[in-house]
Amino acid sequence: MPVISTKNSYVNLAKIMLFSLASLGLVMFAHQLYAADQNPYEKNYKKQNANDLRSLQAKPDTKIFVGNHKDEDNITMLEDGYDLMGTSGFSAMEASSDFALQHAKSIKADIVMVYQKYESAKTASSKLQLIKEAANKGGEIDPNDLEDEPTQYLYHASYWAKLPMPLFGVHIIKLKQSEADEGAPKALPGLRVIAVIKTSPASNVGLMRGDSLLKLGDVTLNTADDLFTAVKRYAGQKVPVAFQRGDVSMRQLVQLNVRK
């Protein structure tokens, strides 16, 4: 009668279990790589912020929203105190918004805005146009050109992180005239306000989108660095801000926040 070694049986069983666990780990790792490769939002992501911008929360509860008007939504996000981390853009037949949320969580965004826009497909009118063009040229049309094509969509996602309350509270750009006397673009005075953060010092004194900032304290504002320097210098102080609204020159006292 053969003798079964209990010790050897346990050893062999342990080896089988370790091998199974290792195999499972390899499968999970391969699945993760596959998932990352298949996520079009991650694959087409482009960082838009030079700083390593991310949520102020260690574990943000990332939200996803479907947007309708990208430019207007961007302004709203800036006014609500968020800044743009980056964007994803690509063309595809189908791309689940779950992938956008998944990528947003991986980069620690607070909010991701997702957009879907119809791109192309052969319509009845486009097919008729192909037939007319072929007839005018006296040639024949390739039947393949009349076959229906899968509908394509343009997908876009923007990723946002909430900022701490700013010292001043505006987003600005530098405008230039389209044509100058000598044909070269000419910089306009001041900085154009494209968004005012709600409840910020700038908002409290009535600054509005479209205003041109001219001076803060004793600092003349011609570049973004000028504004950064002035805000840093006068942090926590009440100083005059000069700006232009249309044809009207205005001046207010603004109490800047304290740097933390």
Protein backbone atom coordinates (compact mmCIF):
# COMPACT_ATOMS: atom_id res chain seq x y z
CA MET A 1 0.00 0.00 0.00
CA PRO A 2 1.60 3.33 -0.99
CA VAL A 3 2.39 5.82 1.72
CA ILE A 4 1.17 9.42 1.14
CA SER A 5 3.42 12.07 2.62
CA THR A 6 1.22 14.74 4.25
CA LYS A 7 4.14 17.15 4.44
CA ASN A 8 4.83 16.91 0.70
CA SER A 9 1.14 17.37 -0.07
CA TYR A 10 1.04 20.62 1.90
CA VAL A 11 4.20 21.84 0.17
CA ASN A 12 2.81 21.06 -3.30
CA LEU A 13 -0.51 22.71 -2.40
CA ALA A 14 1.32 25.83 -1.22
CA LYS A 15 3.29 25.96 -4.47
CA ILE A 16 0.10 25.69 -6.50
CA MET A 17 -1.53 28.48 -4.48
CA LEU A 18 1.50 30.78 -4.87
CA PHE A 19 1.60 30.10 -8.59
CA SER A 20 -2.13 30.84 -8.89
CA LEU A 21 -1.76 34.11 -6.98
CA ALA A 22 1.20 35.15 -9.12
CA SER A 23 -0.76 34.35 -12.28
CA LEU A 24 -3.73 36.32 -11.00
CA GLY A 25 -1.44 39.30 -10.28
CA LEU A 26 -0.03 39.17 -13.81
CA VAL A 27 -3.52 39.03 -15.29
CA MET A 28 -4.67 42.01 -13.20
CA PHE A 29 -1.54 43.99 -14.14
CA ALA A 30 -2.05 43.19 -17.82
CA HIS A 31 -5.70 44.21 -17.53
CA GLN A 32 -4.68 47.56 -16.01
CA LEU A 33 -2.22 48.19 -18.85
CA TYR A 34 -4.87 47.27 -21.37
CA ALA A 35 -7.43 49.55 -19.72
CA ALA A 36 -4.99 52.48 -19.72
CA ASP A 37 -4.15 51.89 -23.37
CA GLN A 38 -7.85 51.76 -24.26
CA ASN A 39 -8.81 54.96 -22.40
CA PRO A 40 -8.96 57.61 -25.16
CA TYR A 41 -9.30 60.45 -22.62
CA GLU A 42 -6.03 59.46 -20.98
CA LYS A 43 -4.29 58.72 -24.28
CA ASN A 44 -5.17 62.17 -25.70
CA TYR A 45 -4.67 64.19 -22.53
CA LYS A 46 -2.65 67.40 -22.80
CA LYS A 47 -1.62 69.31 -19.70
CA GLN A 48 -2.51 73.00 -19.94
CA ASN A 49 -1.02 74.26 -16.68
CA ALA A 50 2.72 74.64 -16.19
CA ASN A 51 2.35 74.06 -12.46
CA ASP A 52 1.55 70.61 -11.11
CA LEU A 53 -2.05 71.66 -10.56
CA ARG A 54 -4.38 69.23 -8.80
CA SER A 55 -7.15 69.18 -6.23
CA LEU A 56 -6.48 70.68 -2.81
CA GLN A 57 -8.04 67.53 -1.36
CA ALA A 58 -5.89 64.45 -0.87
CA LYS A 59 -8.78 62.26 -2.05
CA PRO A 60 -11.09 64.48 -4.11
CA ASP A 61 -14.67 63.44 -4.78
CA THR A 62 -14.34 64.04 -8.51
CA LYS A 63 -17.52 65.15 -10.27
CA ILE A 64 -18.40 64.80 -13.95
CA PHE A 65 -20.71 67.13 -15.88
CA VAL A 66 -21.87 67.12 -19.49
CA GLY A 67 -21.36 70.56 -21.02
CA ASN A 68 -23.13 72.23 -23.94
CA HIS A 69 -21.19 75.45 -24.57
CA LYS A 70 -17.48 74.96 -24.00
CA ASP A 71 -16.31 78.58 -24.08
CA GLU A 72 -19.06 79.80 -21.77
CA ASP A 73 -18.50 76.84 -19.45
CA ASN A 74 -14.79 77.68 -19.24
CA ILE A 75 -15.57 81.22 -18.09
CA THR A 76 -18.06 79.90 -15.53
CA MET A 77 -15.47 77.50 -14.13
CA LEU A 78 -12.91 80.32 -13.81
CA GLU A 79 -15.47 82.56 -12.09
CA ASP A 80 -16.29 79.75 -9.67
CA GLY A 81 -12.66 79.60 -8.57
CA TYR A 82 -11.37 76.66 -10.60
CA ASP A 83 -8.35 76.55 -12.90
CA LEU A 84 -7.80 74.39 -15.97
CA MET A 85 -5.50 71.40 -15.49
CA GLY A 86 -5.66 70.03 -19.03
CA THR A 87 -7.86 68.79 -21.85
CA SER A 88 -8.54 65.69 -23.94
CA GLY A 89 -9.76 65.80 -27.51
CA PHE A 90 -10.28 63.06 -30.09
CA SER A 91 -12.60 61.62 -32.73
CA ALA A 92 -14.34 58.26 -32.23
CA MET A 93 -17.53 56.34 -32.91
CA GLU A 94 -18.15 55.84 -29.20
CA ALA A 95 -16.34 56.78 -26.00
CA SER A 96 -17.93 56.28 -22.61
CA SER A 97 -17.86 59.26 -20.25
CA ASP A 98 -16.87 56.78 -17.54
CA PHE A 99 -13.38 56.83 -19.07
CA ALA A 100 -13.24 60.62 -18.66
CA LEU A 101 -14.18 60.30 -14.98
CA GLN A 102 -11.65 57.52 -14.53
CA HIS A 103 -8.85 59.69 -15.94
CA ALA A 104 -10.01 62.73 -13.96
CA LYS A 105 -9.71 60.73 -10.75
CA SER A 106 -6.24 59.49 -11.70
CA ILE A 107 -4.93 63.08 -12.08
CA LYS A 108 -6.85 64.28 -8.97
CA ALA A 109 -9.17 66.71 -10.70
CA ASP A 110 -12.15 68.12 -8.82
CA ILE A 111 -14.37 68.37 -11.90
CA VAL A 112 -14.30 67.05 -15.45
CA MET A 113 -16.50 68.64 -18.13
CA VAL A 114 -17.35 66.35 -21.07
CA TYR A 115 -18.55 67.38 -24.53
CA GLN A 116 -19.76 65.30 -27.47
CA LYS A 117 -20.35 66.76 -30.92
CA TYR A 118 -21.54 65.11 -34.13
CA GLU A 119 -18.65 65.03 -36.58
CA SER A 120 -19.41 63.27 -39.87
CA ALA A 121 -21.27 60.60 -41.79
CA LYS A 122 -22.44 60.32 -45.39
CA THR A 123 -25.85 61.95 -45.57
CA ALA A 124 -28.37 61.70 -48.41
CA SER A 125 -27.39 65.18 -49.60
CA SER A 126 -23.67 64.33 -49.62
CA LYS A 127 -24.35 61.16 -51.61
CA LEU A 128 -26.44 63.15 -54.11
CA GLN A 129 -23.59 65.62 -54.46
CA LEU A 130 -21.18 62.78 -55.29
CA ILE A 131 -23.58 61.52 -58.00
CA LYS A 132 -23.92 65.02 -59.53
CA GLU A 133 -20.16 65.52 -59.59
CA ALA A 134 -19.65 62.17 -61.31
CA ALA A 135 -22.37 62.98 -63.88
CA ASN A 136 -20.83 66.38 -64.66
CA LYS A 137 -17.48 64.76 -65.28
CA GLY A 138 -19.03 62.04 -67.45
CA GLY A 139 -17.66 59.32 -65.26
CA GLU A 140 -19.00 56.60 -63.02
CA ILE A 141 -19.22 56.74 -59.28
CA ASP A 142 -17.65 54.07 -57.16
CA PRO A 143 -20.45 52.21 -55.32
CA ASN A 144 -18.21 52.11 -52.26
CA ASP A 145 -18.45 55.91 -52.07
CA LEU A 146 -22.21 55.60 -51.52
CA GLU A 147 -21.99 53.15 -48.66
CA ASP A 148 -23.00 54.38 -45.24
CA GLU A 149 -20.14 55.21 -42.93
CA PRO A 150 -20.18 54.81 -39.15
CA THR A 151 -21.14 58.01 -37.38
CA GLN A 152 -18.15 59.77 -35.88
CA TYR A 153 -18.22 62.11 -32.88
CA LEU A 154 -15.81 64.70 -31.60
CA TYR A 155 -15.14 64.24 -27.88
CA HIS A 156 -13.65 66.86 -25.62
CA ALA A 157 -13.03 66.91 -21.89
CA SER A 158 -11.64 69.62 -19.64
CA TYR A 159 -10.24 68.89 -16.19
CA TRP A 160 -10.45 71.43 -13.36
CA ALA A 161 -8.99 71.91 -9.89
CA LYS A 162 -10.36 74.23 -7.21
CA LEU A 163 -7.97 77.02 -6.22
CA PRO A 164 -7.55 78.54 -2.76
CA MET A 165 -9.14 82.00 -2.42
CA PRO A 166 -6.85 84.35 -4.40
CA LEU A 167 -5.24 87.57 -3.16
CA PHE A 168 -6.93 89.60 -5.91
CA GLY A 169 -9.09 87.32 -8.06
CA VAL A 170 -8.97 87.90 -11.83
CA HIS A 171 -7.98 85.97 -14.93
CA ILE A 172 -6.45 88.21 -17.58
CA ILE A 173 -5.03 88.25 -21.11
CA LYS A 174 -2.88 90.76 -22.98
CA LEU A 175 -4.63 92.19 -26.03
CA LYS A 176 -2.98 93.46 -29.20
CA GLN A 177 -4.35 95.52 -32.05
CA SER A 178 -4.89 93.48 -35.19
CA GLU A 179 -3.09 96.06 -37.32
CA ALA A 180 -0.68 98.85 -36.45
CA ASP A 181 0.58 101.69 -38.60
CA GLU A 182 3.62 99.70 -39.68
CA GLY A 183 1.71 96.45 -40.16
CA ALA A 184 2.93 94.78 -36.95
CA PRO A 185 0.61 94.00 -34.02
CA LYS A 186 0.67 96.69 -31.35
CA ALA A 187 0.08 95.95 -27.68
CA LEU A 188 -2.85 97.74 -26.09
CA PRO A 189 -2.43 99.34 -22.66
CA GLY A 190 -3.45 97.35 -19.61
CA LEU A 191 -4.64 93.78 -19.13
CA ARG A 192 -8.06 92.57 -20.29
CA VAL A 193 -10.11 90.77 -17.62
CA ILE A 194 -11.62 87.53 -18.97
CA ALA A 195 -13.05 86.30 -15.66
CA VAL A 196 -13.55 87.59 -12.12
CA ILE A 197 -13.58 85.01 -9.33
CA LYS A 198 -16.74 85.19 -7.23
CA THR A 199 -16.43 86.63 -3.68
CA SER A 200 -12.81 87.65 -4.38
CA PRO A 201 -11.44 91.16 -3.65
CA ALA A 202 -11.72 91.99 -7.36
CA SER A 203 -15.36 90.93 -7.34
CA ASN A 204 -16.06 92.89 -4.17
CA VAL A 205 -15.07 96.20 -5.81
CA GLY A 206 -17.16 95.53 -8.91
CA LEU A 207 -14.56 94.52 -11.48
CA MET A 208 -16.20 92.84 -14.46
CA ARG A 209 -15.31 90.68 -17.40
CA GLY A 210 -14.15 92.93 -20.26
CA ASP A 211 -12.58 95.59 -18.02
CA SER A 212 -8.99 96.61 -18.73
CA LEU A 213 -6.77 96.74 -15.64
CA LEU A 214 -4.37 99.67 -15.86
CA LYS A 215 -2.79 100.07 -12.44
CA LEU A 216 -2.73 98.42 -9.01
CA GLY A 217 -1.23 100.58 -6.30
CA ASP A 218 1.82 102.22 -7.88
CA VAL A 219 2.38 99.39 -10.39
CA THR A 220 1.43 100.00 -14.02
CA LEU A 221 -0.03 96.80 -15.48
CA ASN A 222 1.26 95.89 -18.92
CA THR A 223 2.07 92.20 -18.44
CA ALA A 224 0.83 89.31 -16.33
CA ASP A 225 4.09 89.51 -14.37
CA ASP A 226 3.29 93.13 -13.49
CA LEU A 227 0.01 92.03 -11.93
CA PHE A 228 1.68 89.15 -10.10
CA THR A 229 4.32 91.52 -8.70
CA ALA A 230 1.73 94.09 -7.58
CA VAL A 231 -0.54 91.52 -5.90
CA LYS A 232 2.43 90.01 -4.08
CA ARG A 233 3.66 93.45 -2.96
CA TYR A 234 0.30 94.67 -1.66
CA ALA A 235 -1.01 91.41 -0.16
CA GLY A 236 -3.21 92.20 2.85
CA GLN A 237 -3.32 95.93 2.07
CA LYS A 238 -6.00 98.27 0.74
CA VAL A 239 -4.77 99.89 -2.47
CA PRO A 240 -6.29 101.74 -5.43
CA VAL A 241 -7.00 99.85 -8.63
CA ALA A 242 -7.41 101.80 -11.88
CA PHE A 243 -9.24 100.25 -14.80
CA GLN A 244 -11.06 101.09 -18.00
CA ARG A 245 -14.64 100.04 -18.77
CA GLY A 246 -15.47 100.94 -22.34
CA ASP A 247 -14.71 104.66 -22.65
CA VAL A 248 -14.95 105.28 -18.91
CA SER A 249 -11.89 105.40 -16.64
CA MET A 250 -12.63 104.06 -13.14
CA ARG A 251 -10.84 103.82 -9.83
CA GLN A 252 -11.65 101.84 -6.68
CA LEU A 253 -9.98 100.92 -3.39
CA VAL A 254 -9.52 97.17 -3.11
CA GLN A 255 -8.64 95.20 0.01
CA LEU A 256 -6.34 92.37 -1.03
CA ASN A 257 -6.42 89.07 0.82
CA VAL A 258 -3.58 87.99 3.07
CA ARG A 259 -1.12 85.42 1.78
CA LYS A 260 -1.37 82.08 3.61
